[in-house]
C-alpha atoms as a PDB file:
ATOM      1  CA  MET A   1       6.744 -54.023 -37.328  1.00  0.00           C
ATOM      2  CA  PHE A   2       5.445 -51.656 -34.745  1.00  0.00           C
ATOM      3  CA  PRO A   3       8.249 -50.585 -32.358  1.00  0.00           C
ATOM      4  CA  ALA A   4       8.488 -51.792 -28.842  1.00  0.00           C
ATOM      5  CA  PRO A   5       7.735 -49.145 -26.206  1.00  0.00           C
ATOM      6  CA  ARG A   6      10.082 -47.441 -23.842  1.00  0.00           C
ATOM      7  CA  ILE A   7       8.747 -46.143 -20.551  1.00  0.00           C
ATOM      8  CA  VAL A   8       9.461 -42.573 -19.622  1.00  0.00           C
ATOM      9  CA  LYS A   9       8.395 -40.463 -16.635  1.00  0.00           C
ATOM     10  CA  SER A  10       6.010 -37.719 -17.507  1.00  0.00           C
ATOM     11  CA  ASN A  11       3.997 -35.625 -14.979  1.00  0.00           C
ATOM     12  CA  GLY A  12       4.029 -38.457 -12.443  1.00  0.00           C
ATOM     13  CA  LEU A  13       2.993 -41.114 -14.960  1.00  0.00           C
ATOM     14  CA  ASP A  14       4.861 -44.090 -16.465  1.00  0.00           C
ATOM     15  CA  MET A  15       4.221 -43.273 -20.097  1.00  0.00           C
ATOM     16  CA  ALA A  16       4.691 -45.745 -22.885  1.00  0.00           C
ATOM     17  CA  VAL A  17       6.344 -44.092 -25.891  1.00  0.00           C
ATOM     18  CA  TYR A  18       6.846 -45.578 -29.341  1.00  0.00           C
ATOM     19  CA  GLU A  19       9.513 -44.015 -31.623  1.00  0.00           C
ATOM     20  CA  GLN A  20      10.898 -44.412 -35.073  1.00  0.00           C
ATOM     21  CA  GLY A  21      13.429 -42.371 -37.012  1.00  0.00           C
ATOM     22  CA  GLN A  22      15.897 -39.459 -36.423  1.00  0.00           C
ATOM     23  CA  GLY A  23      15.476 -35.782 -37.343  1.00  0.00           C
ATOM     24  CA  PRO A  24      13.003 -33.085 -36.388  1.00  0.00           C
ATOM     25  CA  PRO A  25      10.485 -34.386 -33.837  1.00  0.00           C
ATOM     26  CA  VAL A  26       6.878 -35.021 -34.618  1.00  0.00           C
ATOM     27  CA  VAL A  27       4.645 -36.055 -31.715  1.00  0.00           C
ATOM     28  CA  LEU A  28       1.409 -37.973 -32.700  1.00  0.00           C
ATOM     29  CA  LEU A  29      -1.508 -37.982 -30.194  1.00  0.00           C
ATOM     30  CA  HIS A  30      -4.209 -40.576 -30.567  1.00  0.00           C
ATOM     31  CA  GLY A  31      -7.884 -40.334 -29.601  1.00  0.00           C
ATOM     32  CA  PHE A  32     -10.648 -42.706 -28.192  1.00  0.00           C
ATOM     33  CA  PRO A  33     -10.693 -45.602 -28.334  1.00  0.00           C
ATOM     34  CA  GLU A  34      -7.152 -45.652 -29.731  1.00  0.00           C
ATOM     35  CA  LEU A  35      -3.644 -46.295 -28.771  1.00  0.00           C
ATOM     36  CA  ALA A  36      -0.227 -45.111 -30.056  1.00  0.00           C
ATOM     37  CA  TYR A  37      -0.789 -48.193 -32.357  1.00  0.00           C
ATOM     38  CA  SER A  38      -3.301 -46.183 -34.379  1.00  0.00           C
ATOM     39  CA  TRP A  39      -0.217 -44.405 -35.783  1.00  0.00           C
ATOM     40  CA  ARG A  40       1.336 -47.636 -36.942  1.00  0.00           C
ATOM     41  CA  HIS A  41       1.231 -46.494 -40.634  1.00  0.00           C
ATOM     42  CA  GLN A  42       2.459 -42.988 -39.980  1.00  0.00           C
ATOM     43  CA  LEU A  43       5.565 -43.732 -37.748  1.00  0.00           C
ATOM     44  CA  PRO A  44       7.605 -45.655 -40.445  1.00  0.00           C
ATOM     45  CA  ALA A  45       6.581 -43.255 -43.134  1.00  0.00           C
ATOM     46  CA  LEU A  46       7.707 -40.216 -41.134  1.00  0.00           C
ATOM     47  CA  ALA A  47      10.837 -41.925 -40.149  1.00  0.00           C
ATOM     48  CA  ASP A  48      11.687 -42.698 -43.818  1.00  0.00           C
ATOM     49  CA  ALA A  49      11.093 -39.054 -44.661  1.00  0.00           C
ATOM     50  CA  GLY A  50      13.690 -38.005 -42.141  1.00  0.00           C
ATOM     51  CA  PHE A  51      11.639 -37.168 -39.003  1.00  0.00           C
ATOM     52  CA  ARG A  52      11.791 -38.507 -35.513  1.00  0.00           C
ATOM     53  CA  ALA A  53       8.175 -39.857 -35.117  1.00  0.00           C
ATOM     54  CA  ILE A  54       7.001 -40.184 -31.436  1.00  0.00           C
ATOM     55  CA  ALA A  55       3.697 -41.599 -30.459  1.00  0.00           C
ATOM     56  CA  PRO A  56       2.674 -42.072 -26.716  1.00  0.00           C
ATOM     57  CA  ASP A  57      -0.074 -44.168 -25.192  1.00  0.00           C
ATOM     58  CA  GLN A  58      -1.821 -41.280 -23.612  1.00  0.00           C
ATOM     59  CA  ARG A  59      -2.989 -41.017 -19.892  1.00  0.00           C
ATOM     60  CA  GLY A  60      -5.295 -43.903 -19.080  1.00  0.00           C
ATOM     61  CA  TYR A  61      -4.453 -45.887 -22.241  1.00  0.00           C
ATOM     62  CA  GLY A  62      -2.463 -49.036 -22.968  1.00  0.00           C
ATOM     63  CA  ARG A  63       0.807 -49.250 -21.048  1.00  0.00           C
ATOM     64  CA  THR A  64       0.637 -45.733 -19.614  1.00  0.00           C
ATOM     65  CA  THR A  65      -0.504 -45.149 -16.059  1.00  0.00           C
ATOM     66  CA  ALA A  66      -4.306 -44.887 -15.552  1.00  0.00           C
ATOM     67  CA  PRO A  67      -5.082 -42.882 -12.413  1.00  0.00           C
ATOM     68  CA  ALA A  68      -8.459 -43.697 -10.805  1.00  0.00           C
ATOM     69  CA  ASP A  69      -9.634 -40.167 -10.019  1.00  0.00           C
ATOM     70  CA  VAL A  70     -11.746 -38.511 -12.644  1.00  0.00           C
ATOM     71  CA  SER A  71     -10.118 -35.151 -11.910  1.00  0.00           C
ATOM     72  CA  ALA A  72      -6.747 -36.622 -12.995  1.00  0.00           C
ATOM     73  CA  TYR A  73      -7.975 -36.341 -16.557  1.00  0.00           C
ATOM     74  CA  ARG A  74      -8.492 -32.639 -16.690  1.00  0.00           C
ATOM     75  CA  VAL A  75      -6.983 -30.698 -19.718  1.00  0.00           C
ATOM     76  CA  SER A  76      -4.474 -29.187 -17.395  1.00  0.00           C
ATOM     77  CA  GLU A  77      -3.046 -32.620 -16.558  1.00  0.00           C
ATOM     78  CA  LEU A  78      -3.207 -33.698 -20.189  1.00  0.00           C
ATOM     79  CA  ILE A  79      -1.133 -30.657 -21.317  1.00  0.00           C
ATOM     80  CA  ALA A  80       1.325 -31.291 -18.468  1.00  0.00           C
ATOM     81  CA  ASP A  81       1.707 -34.904 -19.739  1.00  0.00           C
ATOM     82  CA  VAL A  82       2.700 -33.586 -23.148  1.00  0.00           C
ATOM     83  CA  HIS A  83       5.149 -31.124 -21.623  1.00  0.00           C
ATOM     84  CA  GLY A  84       6.601 -33.945 -19.475  1.00  0.00           C
ATOM     85  CA  LEU A  85       7.000 -36.116 -22.475  1.00  0.00           C
ATOM     86  CA  LEU A  86       9.007 -33.434 -24.309  1.00  0.00           C
ATOM     87  CA  ASP A  87      11.060 -32.826 -21.172  1.00  0.00           C
ATOM     88  CA  ALA A  88      11.805 -36.622 -20.791  1.00  0.00           C
ATOM     89  CA  LEU A  89      12.924 -36.740 -24.429  1.00  0.00           C
ATOM     90  CA  GLY A  90      15.134 -33.646 -24.211  1.00  0.00           C
ATOM     91  CA  LEU A  91      12.934 -31.576 -26.591  1.00  0.00           C
ATOM     92  CA  GLU A  92      12.159 -27.936 -26.335  1.00  0.00           C
ATOM     93  CA  SER A  93       9.313 -28.097 -28.868  1.00  0.00           C
ATOM     94  CA  ALA A  94       7.884 -30.297 -31.731  1.00  0.00           C
ATOM     95  CA  ALA A  95       5.525 -30.528 -34.506  1.00  0.00           C
ATOM     96  CA  PHE A  96       2.247 -32.141 -33.260  1.00  0.00           C
ATOM     97  CA  VAL A  97      -0.316 -34.372 -35.008  1.00  0.00           C
ATOM     98  CA  GLY A  98      -3.562 -35.247 -33.306  1.00  0.00           C
ATOM     99  CA  HIS A  99      -6.687 -37.231 -34.065  1.00  0.00           C
ATOM    100  CA  ASP A 100     -10.046 -37.222 -32.258  1.00  0.00           C
ATOM    101  CA  TRP A 101      -9.320 -36.455 -28.601  1.00  0.00           C
ATOM    102  CA  GLY A 102      -5.670 -35.926 -29.521  1.00  0.00           C
ATOM    103  CA  ALA A 103      -6.964 -33.148 -31.789  1.00  0.00           C
ATOM    104  CA  LEU A 104      -9.194 -31.684 -29.000  1.00  0.00           C
ATOM    105  CA  LEU A 105      -6.232 -31.713 -26.703  1.00  0.00           C
ATOM    106  CA  LEU A 106      -3.932 -29.922 -29.137  1.00  0.00           C
ATOM    107  CA  TRP A 107      -6.513 -27.239 -29.806  1.00  0.00           C
ATOM    108  CA  GLN A 108      -6.746 -26.537 -26.190  1.00  0.00           C
ATOM    109  CA  MET A 109      -3.025 -26.612 -25.786  1.00  0.00           C
ATOM    110  CA  ALA A 110      -2.663 -24.174 -28.676  1.00  0.00           C
ATOM    111  CA  MET A 111      -4.830 -21.778 -26.770  1.00  0.00           C
ATOM    112  CA  LEU A 112      -3.507 -22.270 -23.162  1.00  0.00           C
ATOM    113  CA  ALA A 113       0.151 -23.307 -23.733  1.00  0.00           C
ATOM    114  CA  PRO A 114       1.200 -22.772 -27.292  1.00  0.00           C
ATOM    115  CA  ASP A 115       5.003 -22.056 -26.839  1.00  0.00           C
ATOM    116  CA  ARG A 116       6.195 -25.649 -27.390  1.00  0.00           C
ATOM    117  CA  ILE A 117       4.217 -26.234 -30.539  1.00  0.00           C
ATOM    118  CA  ASP A 118       6.032 -25.670 -33.825  1.00  0.00           C
ATOM    119  CA  SER A 119       3.186 -26.531 -36.093  1.00  0.00           C
ATOM    120  CA  LEU A 120      -0.015 -28.475 -36.003  1.00  0.00           C
ATOM    121  CA  ALA A 121      -1.587 -31.217 -38.125  1.00  0.00           C
ATOM    122  CA  ILE A 122      -5.217 -31.970 -36.971  1.00  0.00           C
ATOM    123  CA  LEU A 123      -7.216 -34.904 -38.153  1.00  0.00           C
ATOM    124  CA  ASN A 124     -11.133 -34.788 -38.167  1.00  0.00           C
ATOM    125  CA  ILE A 125     -11.941 -32.574 -35.235  1.00  0.00           C
ATOM    126  CA  PRO A 126     -12.120 -28.791 -36.018  1.00  0.00           C
ATOM    127  CA  HIS A 127     -11.530 -25.921 -33.639  1.00  0.00           C
ATOM    128  CA  TYR A 128     -14.772 -25.064 -32.093  1.00  0.00           C
ATOM    129  CA  PRO A 129     -15.650 -21.636 -30.575  1.00  0.00           C
ATOM    130  CA  ARG A 130     -16.328 -21.825 -26.810  1.00  0.00           C
ATOM    131  CA  THR A 131     -20.131 -22.106 -26.243  1.00  0.00           C
ATOM    132  CA  PRO A 132     -21.919 -19.610 -23.976  1.00  0.00           C
ATOM    133  CA  VAL A 133     -23.310 -22.400 -21.847  1.00  0.00           C
ATOM    134  CA  ASP A 134     -21.935 -25.767 -20.681  1.00  0.00           C
ATOM    135  CA  PRO A 135     -21.670 -27.926 -23.783  1.00  0.00           C
ATOM    136  CA  ILE A 136     -22.904 -31.026 -21.868  1.00  0.00           C
ATOM    137  CA  ASP A 137     -26.174 -29.173 -21.265  1.00  0.00           C
ATOM    138  CA  ILE A 138     -26.350 -28.418 -24.961  1.00  0.00           C
ATOM    139  CA  MET A 139     -25.709 -32.048 -25.912  1.00  0.00           C
ATOM    140  CA  ARG A 140     -28.189 -33.327 -23.362  1.00  0.00           C
ATOM    141  CA  ASP A 141     -30.927 -30.945 -24.595  1.00  0.00           C
ATOM    142  CA  ARG A 142     -30.096 -31.699 -28.339  1.00  0.00           C
ATOM    143  CA  PHE A 143     -29.408 -35.406 -28.290  1.00  0.00           C
ATOM    144  CA  GLY A 144     -30.825 -36.730 -25.044  1.00  0.00           C
ATOM    145  CA  ASP A 145     -29.318 -39.088 -22.445  1.00  0.00           C
ATOM    146  CA  ARG A 146     -28.373 -41.848 -24.771  1.00  0.00           C
ATOM    147  CA  PHE A 147     -25.847 -39.699 -26.710  1.00  0.00           C
ATOM    148  CA  TYR A 148     -22.554 -41.262 -25.807  1.00  0.00           C
ATOM    149  CA  ILE A 149     -20.866 -38.170 -24.334  1.00  0.00           C
ATOM    150  CA  VAL A 150     -23.921 -37.499 -22.137  1.00  0.00           C
ATOM    151  CA  ASN A 151     -24.152 -41.125 -21.176  1.00  0.00           C
ATOM    152  CA  PHE A 152     -20.527 -41.117 -20.025  1.00  0.00           C
ATOM    153  CA  GLN A 153     -21.339 -38.326 -17.514  1.00  0.00           C
ATOM    154  CA  ASP A 154     -24.180 -40.038 -15.890  1.00  0.00           C
ATOM    155  CA  SER A 155     -23.242 -43.752 -15.509  1.00  0.00           C
ATOM    156  CA  ASP A 156     -20.295 -46.295 -15.510  1.00  0.00           C
ATOM    157  CA  GLU A 157     -22.302 -48.692 -17.730  1.00  0.00           C
ATOM    158  CA  ALA A 158     -20.147 -48.010 -20.722  1.00  0.00           C
ATOM    159  CA  ASP A 159     -16.987 -48.658 -18.765  1.00  0.00           C
ATOM    160  CA  ARG A 160     -18.322 -52.126 -17.784  1.00  0.00           C
ATOM    161  CA  VAL A 161     -19.936 -53.089 -21.170  1.00  0.00           C
ATOM    162  CA  PHE A 162     -16.856 -52.128 -23.160  1.00  0.00           C
ATOM    163  CA  SER A 163     -14.489 -53.932 -20.696  1.00  0.00           C
ATOM    164  CA  ASP A 164     -16.583 -57.150 -20.941  1.00  0.00           C
ATOM    165  CA  ASP A 165     -15.233 -57.846 -24.409  1.00  0.00           C
ATOM    166  CA  PRO A 166     -12.692 -55.304 -25.663  1.00  0.00           C
ATOM    167  CA  ARG A 167     -12.076 -57.109 -28.880  1.00  0.00           C
ATOM    168  CA  HIS A 168     -15.757 -56.973 -29.811  1.00  0.00           C
ATOM    169  CA  PHE A 169     -16.009 -53.351 -28.813  1.00  0.00           C
ATOM    170  CA  ILE A 170     -13.055 -52.384 -30.968  1.00  0.00           C
ATOM    171  CA  ASP A 171     -14.531 -54.298 -33.843  1.00  0.00           C
ATOM    172  CA  ARG A 172     -17.845 -52.454 -33.620  1.00  0.00           C
ATOM    173  CA  MET A 173     -16.083 -49.079 -33.325  1.00  0.00           C
ATOM    174  CA  MET A 174     -13.392 -49.211 -35.920  1.00  0.00           C
ATOM    175  CA  ARG A 175     -15.290 -49.910 -39.152  1.00  0.00           C
ATOM    176  CA  LYS A 176     -15.318 -48.267 -42.600  1.00  0.00           C
ATOM    177  CA  HIS A 177     -17.923 -47.728 -45.240  1.00  0.00           C
ATOM    178  CA  GLN A 178     -20.667 -47.443 -42.691  1.00  0.00           C
ATOM    179  CA  LEU A 179     -22.571 -44.333 -43.919  1.00  0.00           C
ATOM    180  CA  THR A 180     -21.884 -41.591 -46.251  1.00  0.00           C
ATOM    181  CA  ARG A 181     -22.713 -38.038 -45.054  1.00  0.00           C
ATOM    182  CA  GLU A 182     -25.646 -38.000 -47.499  1.00  0.00           C
ATOM    183  CA  GLN A 183     -27.024 -41.230 -46.234  1.00  0.00           C
ATOM    184  CA  PHE A 184     -26.590 -40.041 -42.557  1.00  0.00           C
ATOM    185  CA  ASP A 185     -28.503 -36.839 -43.270  1.00  0.00           C
ATOM    186  CA  LYS A 186     -31.466 -38.872 -44.596  1.00  0.00           C
ATOM    187  CA  LEU A 187     -31.818 -40.879 -41.405  1.00  0.00           C
ATOM    188  CA  PRO A 188     -34.862 -40.246 -39.037  1.00  0.00           C
ATOM    189  CA  PRO A 189     -33.720 -38.069 -36.105  1.00  0.00           C
ATOM    190  CA  GLN A 190     -33.648 -41.010 -33.523  1.00  0.00           C
ATOM    191  CA  TYR A 191     -31.064 -42.767 -35.547  1.00  0.00           C
ATOM    192  CA  LYS A 192     -28.769 -39.832 -35.631  1.00  0.00           C
ATOM    193  CA  ILE A 193     -28.100 -40.030 -32.007  1.00  0.00           C
ATOM    194  CA  ILE A 194     -24.706 -41.751 -31.627  1.00  0.00           C
ATOM    195  CA  SER A 195     -24.895 -44.289 -28.811  1.00  0.00           C
ATOM    196  CA  LEU A 196     -21.729 -46.333 -28.352  1.00  0.00           C
ATOM    197  CA  LEU A 197     -23.614 -48.718 -26.022  1.00  0.00           C
ATOM    198  CA  ARG A 198     -26.269 -49.318 -28.700  1.00  0.00           C
ATOM    199  CA  GLN A 199     -23.648 -49.816 -31.325  1.00  0.00           C
ATOM    200  CA  THR A 200     -21.691 -52.312 -29.097  1.00  0.00           C
ATOM    201  CA  LEU A 201     -24.752 -54.329 -28.248  1.00  0.00           C
ATOM    202  CA  ALA A 202     -26.480 -54.436 -31.611  1.00  0.00           C
ATOM    203  CA  ASP A 203     -26.915 -57.906 -33.216  1.00  0.00           C
ATOM    204  CA  GLU A 204     -24.931 -56.835 -36.353  1.00  0.00           C
ATOM    205  CA  ALA A 205     -22.141 -54.488 -37.112  1.00  0.00           C
ATOM    206  CA  SER A 206     -22.482 -51.853 -39.857  1.00  0.00           C
ATOM    207  CA  GLY A 207     -19.969 -51.363 -42.604  1.00  0.00           C
ATOM    208  CA  ASP A 208     -16.777 -53.286 -43.171  1.00  0.00           C
ATOM    209  CA  ALA A 209     -14.085 -54.270 -40.667  1.00  0.00           C
ATOM    210  CA  LEU A 210     -11.229 -51.755 -40.713  1.00  0.00           C
ATOM    211  CA  LEU A 211      -8.707 -53.928 -38.814  1.00  0.00           C
ATOM    212  CA  THR A 212      -7.099 -57.295 -39.411  1.00  0.00           C
ATOM    213  CA  ASP A 213      -7.360 -59.935 -36.741  1.00  0.00           C
ATOM    214  CA  ASP A 214      -3.954 -59.095 -35.508  1.00  0.00           C
ATOM    215  CA  GLU A 215      -4.592 -55.441 -35.351  1.00  0.00           C
ATOM    216  CA  ARG A 216      -7.776 -56.054 -33.449  1.00  0.00           C
ATOM    217  CA  ASP A 217      -6.002 -58.293 -31.055  1.00  0.00           C
ATOM    218  CA  TYR A 218      -3.410 -55.601 -30.360  1.00  0.00           C
ATOM    219  CA  TYR A 219      -6.070 -53.043 -29.417  1.00  0.00           C
ATOM    220  CA  ALA A 220      -7.992 -55.663 -27.358  1.00  0.00           C
ATOM    221  CA  ALA A 221      -4.759 -56.458 -25.314  1.00  0.00           C
ATOM    222  CA  GLY A 222      -4.223 -52.768 -24.700  1.00  0.00           C
ATOM    223  CA  PHE A 223      -7.666 -52.180 -23.359  1.00  0.00           C
ATOM    224  CA  SER A 224      -7.744 -55.480 -21.481  1.00  0.00           C
ATOM    225  CA  ARG A 225      -4.683 -54.031 -19.641  1.00  0.00           C
ATOM    226  CA  SER A 226      -5.927 -50.501 -19.067  1.00  0.00           C
ATOM    227  CA  GLY A 227      -9.695 -50.868 -18.954  1.00  0.00           C
ATOM    228  CA  PHE A 228     -12.014 -48.098 -20.262  1.00  0.00           C
ATOM    229  CA  SER A 229     -12.551 -45.898 -17.282  1.00  0.00           C
ATOM    230  CA  GLY A 230      -9.509 -43.897 -17.761  1.00  0.00           C
ATOM    231  CA  PRO A 231     -10.262 -43.061 -21.362  1.00  0.00           C
ATOM    232  CA  ILE A 232     -13.856 -42.236 -20.646  1.00  0.00           C
ATOM    233  CA  ASN A 233     -12.731 -39.936 -17.824  1.00  0.00           C
ATOM    234  CA  TRP A 234     -11.347 -37.620 -20.492  1.00  0.00           C
ATOM    235  CA  TYR A 235     -15.046 -37.077 -21.503  1.00  0.00           C
ATOM    236  CA  ARG A 236     -16.130 -36.649 -17.836  1.00  0.00           C
ATOM    237  CA  ASN A 237     -14.031 -33.423 -17.559  1.00  0.00           C
ATOM    238  CA  TRP A 238     -15.753 -31.811 -20.579  1.00  0.00           C
ATOM    239  CA  SER A 239     -17.589 -29.303 -18.429  1.00  0.00           C
ATOM    240  CA  HIS A 240     -14.494 -28.551 -16.223  1.00  0.00           C
ATOM    241  CA  ASN A 241     -12.389 -27.948 -19.403  1.00  0.00           C
ATOM    242  CA  TRP A 242     -15.024 -25.605 -20.872  1.00  0.00           C
ATOM    243  CA  LYS A 243     -14.900 -23.473 -17.650  1.00  0.00           C
ATOM    244  CA  GLN A 244     -11.122 -23.294 -17.940  1.00  0.00           C
ATOM    245  CA  LEU A 245     -11.403 -21.688 -21.281  1.00  0.00           C
ATOM    246  CA  GLU A 246     -13.568 -18.760 -20.068  1.00  0.00           C
ATOM    247  CA  GLY A 247     -11.778 -15.503 -21.147  1.00  0.00           C
ATOM    248  CA  VAL A 248      -9.134 -17.322 -23.167  1.00  0.00           C
ATOM    249  CA  ASP A 249      -8.454 -15.902 -26.645  1.00  0.00           C
ATOM    250  CA  PRO A 250      -9.779 -18.657 -29.013  1.00  0.00           C
ATOM    251  CA  VAL A 251      -7.663 -17.580 -32.009  1.00  0.00           C
ATOM    252  CA  VAL A 252      -4.815 -19.983 -32.800  1.00  0.00           C
ATOM    253  CA  ASP A 253      -1.844 -18.442 -34.512  1.00  0.00           C
ATOM    254  CA  ILE A 254       0.143 -21.679 -35.068  1.00  0.00           C
ATOM    255  CA  PRO A 255       0.469 -22.961 -38.681  1.00  0.00           C
ATOM    256  CA  THR A 256      -2.120 -25.642 -38.985  1.00  0.00           C
ATOM    257  CA  LEU A 257      -3.002 -28.320 -41.374  1.00  0.00           C
ATOM    258  CA  PHE A 258      -6.561 -29.766 -41.120  1.00  0.00           C
ATOM    259  CA  ILE A 259      -7.251 -33.092 -42.660  1.00  0.00           C
ATOM    260  CA  GLY A 260     -11.016 -33.632 -42.640  1.00  0.00           C
ATOM    261  CA  ALA A 261     -13.171 -36.673 -43.437  1.00  0.00           C
ATOM    262  CA  GLU A 262     -16.030 -36.309 -45.915  1.00  0.00           C
ATOM    263  CA  ASN A 263     -17.958 -39.053 -44.108  1.00  0.00           C
ATOM    264  CA  ASP A 264     -17.237 -38.383 -40.461  1.00  0.00           C
ATOM    265  CA  VAL A 265     -20.827 -37.845 -39.642  1.00  0.00           C
ATOM    266  CA  LEU A 266     -20.092 -36.463 -36.216  1.00  0.00           C
ATOM    267  CA  ILE A 267     -18.516 -33.377 -37.759  1.00  0.00           C
ATOM    268  CA  GLY A 268     -20.715 -31.056 -39.623  1.00  0.00           C
ATOM    269  CA  LEU A 269     -19.127 -29.459 -42.651  1.00  0.00           C
ATOM    270  CA  GLN A 270     -20.344 -26.111 -41.200  1.00  0.00           C
ATOM    271  CA  HIS A 271     -18.108 -26.693 -38.249  1.00  0.00           C
ATOM    272  CA  ILE A 272     -15.009 -26.946 -40.491  1.00  0.00           C
ATOM    273  CA  GLU A 273     -16.156 -23.771 -42.307  1.00  0.00           C
ATOM    274  CA  GLY A 274     -16.745 -22.128 -38.906  1.00  0.00           C
ATOM    275  CA  MET A 275     -13.222 -22.562 -37.632  1.00  0.00           C
ATOM    276  CA  LYS A 276     -11.634 -20.483 -40.434  1.00  0.00           C
ATOM    277  CA  PRO A 277     -11.841 -17.258 -38.423  1.00  0.00           C
ATOM    278  CA  LEU A 278     -10.333 -18.956 -35.448  1.00  0.00           C
ATOM    279  CA  VAL A 279      -7.122 -20.224 -36.940  1.00  0.00           C
ATOM    280  CA  SER A 280      -4.919 -17.541 -38.651  1.00  0.00           C
ATOM    281  CA  ASP A 281      -2.785 -19.878 -40.741  1.00  0.00           C
ATOM    282  CA  LEU A 282      -5.041 -22.735 -41.759  1.00  0.00           C
ATOM    283  CA  HIS A 283      -4.748 -25.253 -44.633  1.00  0.00           C
ATOM    284  CA  ILE A 284      -7.590 -27.649 -45.189  1.00  0.00           C
ATOM    285  CA  HIS A 285      -7.650 -30.909 -47.040  1.00  0.00           C
ATOM    286  CA  MET A 286     -10.669 -33.264 -47.101  1.00  0.00           C
ATOM    287  CA  LEU A 287     -10.432 -36.993 -47.654  1.00  0.00           C
ATOM    288  CA  GLU A 288     -13.200 -39.357 -48.673  1.00  0.00           C
ATOM    289  CA  CYS A 289     -13.270 -41.635 -45.644  1.00  0.00           C
ATOM    290  CA  GLY A 290     -14.942 -42.060 -42.189  1.00  0.00           C
ATOM    291  CA  HIS A 291     -13.714 -41.216 -38.634  1.00  0.00           C
ATOM    292  CA  TRP A 292     -10.582 -43.509 -38.563  1.00  0.00           C
ATOM    293  CA  THR A 293      -8.806 -41.248 -41.064  1.00  0.00           C
ATOM    294  CA  GLN A 294      -5.167 -42.210 -40.554  1.00  0.00           C
ATOM    295  CA  GLN A 295      -6.031 -45.915 -40.424  1.00  0.00           C
ATOM    296  CA  GLU A 296      -8.455 -45.968 -43.341  1.00  0.00           C
ATOM    297  CA  LYS A 297      -6.370 -43.716 -45.702  1.00  0.00           C
ATOM    298  CA  PRO A 298      -2.770 -44.128 -44.481  1.00  0.00           C
ATOM    299  CA  ALA A 299      -1.124 -43.340 -47.843  1.00  0.00           C
ATOM    300  CA  GLU A 300      -3.124 -40.203 -48.328  1.00  0.00           C
ATOM    301  CA  VAL A 301      -2.537 -39.037 -44.757  1.00  0.00           C
ATOM    302  CA  ASN A 302       1.169 -39.807 -44.863  1.00  0.00           C
ATOM    303  CA  ALA A 303       1.616 -37.852 -48.050  1.00  0.00           C
ATOM    304  CA  LEU A 304      -0.213 -34.789 -46.650  1.00  0.00           C
ATOM    305  CA  LEU A 305       1.720 -34.959 -43.370  1.00  0.00           C
ATOM    306  CA  ILE A 306       5.140 -35.252 -44.982  1.00  0.00           C
ATOM    307  CA  ASP A 307       4.535 -32.571 -47.467  1.00  0.00           C
ATOM    308  CA  TRP A 308       3.322 -30.275 -44.623  1.00  0.00           C
ATOM    309  CA  LEU A 309       6.209 -31.056 -42.361  1.00  0.00           C
ATOM    310  CA  MET A 310       8.798 -30.707 -45.259  1.00  0.00           C
ATOM    311  CA  GLN A 311       7.587 -27.200 -46.034  1.00  0.00           C
ATOM    312  CA  ARG A 312       8.277 -26.205 -42.340  1.00  0.00           C
ATOM    313  CA  ARG A 313      11.423 -28.169 -41.845  1.00  0.00           C
END
């Protein structure tokens, strides 16, 4: 049974927090389009292992406040949310686990405000070096306007289409056995452009459903409540966040476990290799799965997390 939330005040937000267990704190940060619920397999496992597992609905998601202003989703505000959460729970620091946008946030927090991080466990998204030019310009040039991150900058079409039927959108997004990396690499270039709008509106879904009906309904209820503009606004600050990192030392000195996915086709294996010089204490484990690692391979992820955390307890 997933725990009921409690609402805490964090950086001006009403933040929904889900907790299980007692012991050293472990904060788990979800990505897009997820909720704290995406850690439903990890919270009880960590609690049984003797940890205090803490998962918030992040800014704009689920039961947490969703400000209307795009600038309210800048990385400085997201980091302040995490610090406010620790303050509300009476914690000086914690171990952190992040997936997707939760991982990106933790990489930036590790560079900009590392003092309250005891250790990191990162799922799927490696630490990228800062590009010499705006990454949105790079994406637009390389992938075109249909690429989902570029599309989010230019239009609110995705906000509206996803909100029309959140259950359908979640079903199209959270699937497994879609493509192996080898199959993806053989696709014609036009089919390698990830368009979430095209994926949502397609006549048929690819791969197999990842979620049960009840799980899908839980996500749908969360996004029916919050809408999608808040979550998409995280992407709309990509250029601003890039500017904020100018002159910042990219090397992360926090002990870090990286759990990669062999078939997360958005992440090139060269990017995982490329982060090695940027993380001084890095441990890499690869799992045979797609993007939704902690939901697709919960037993394997739990074992890796618990072993990692036990070593640093």
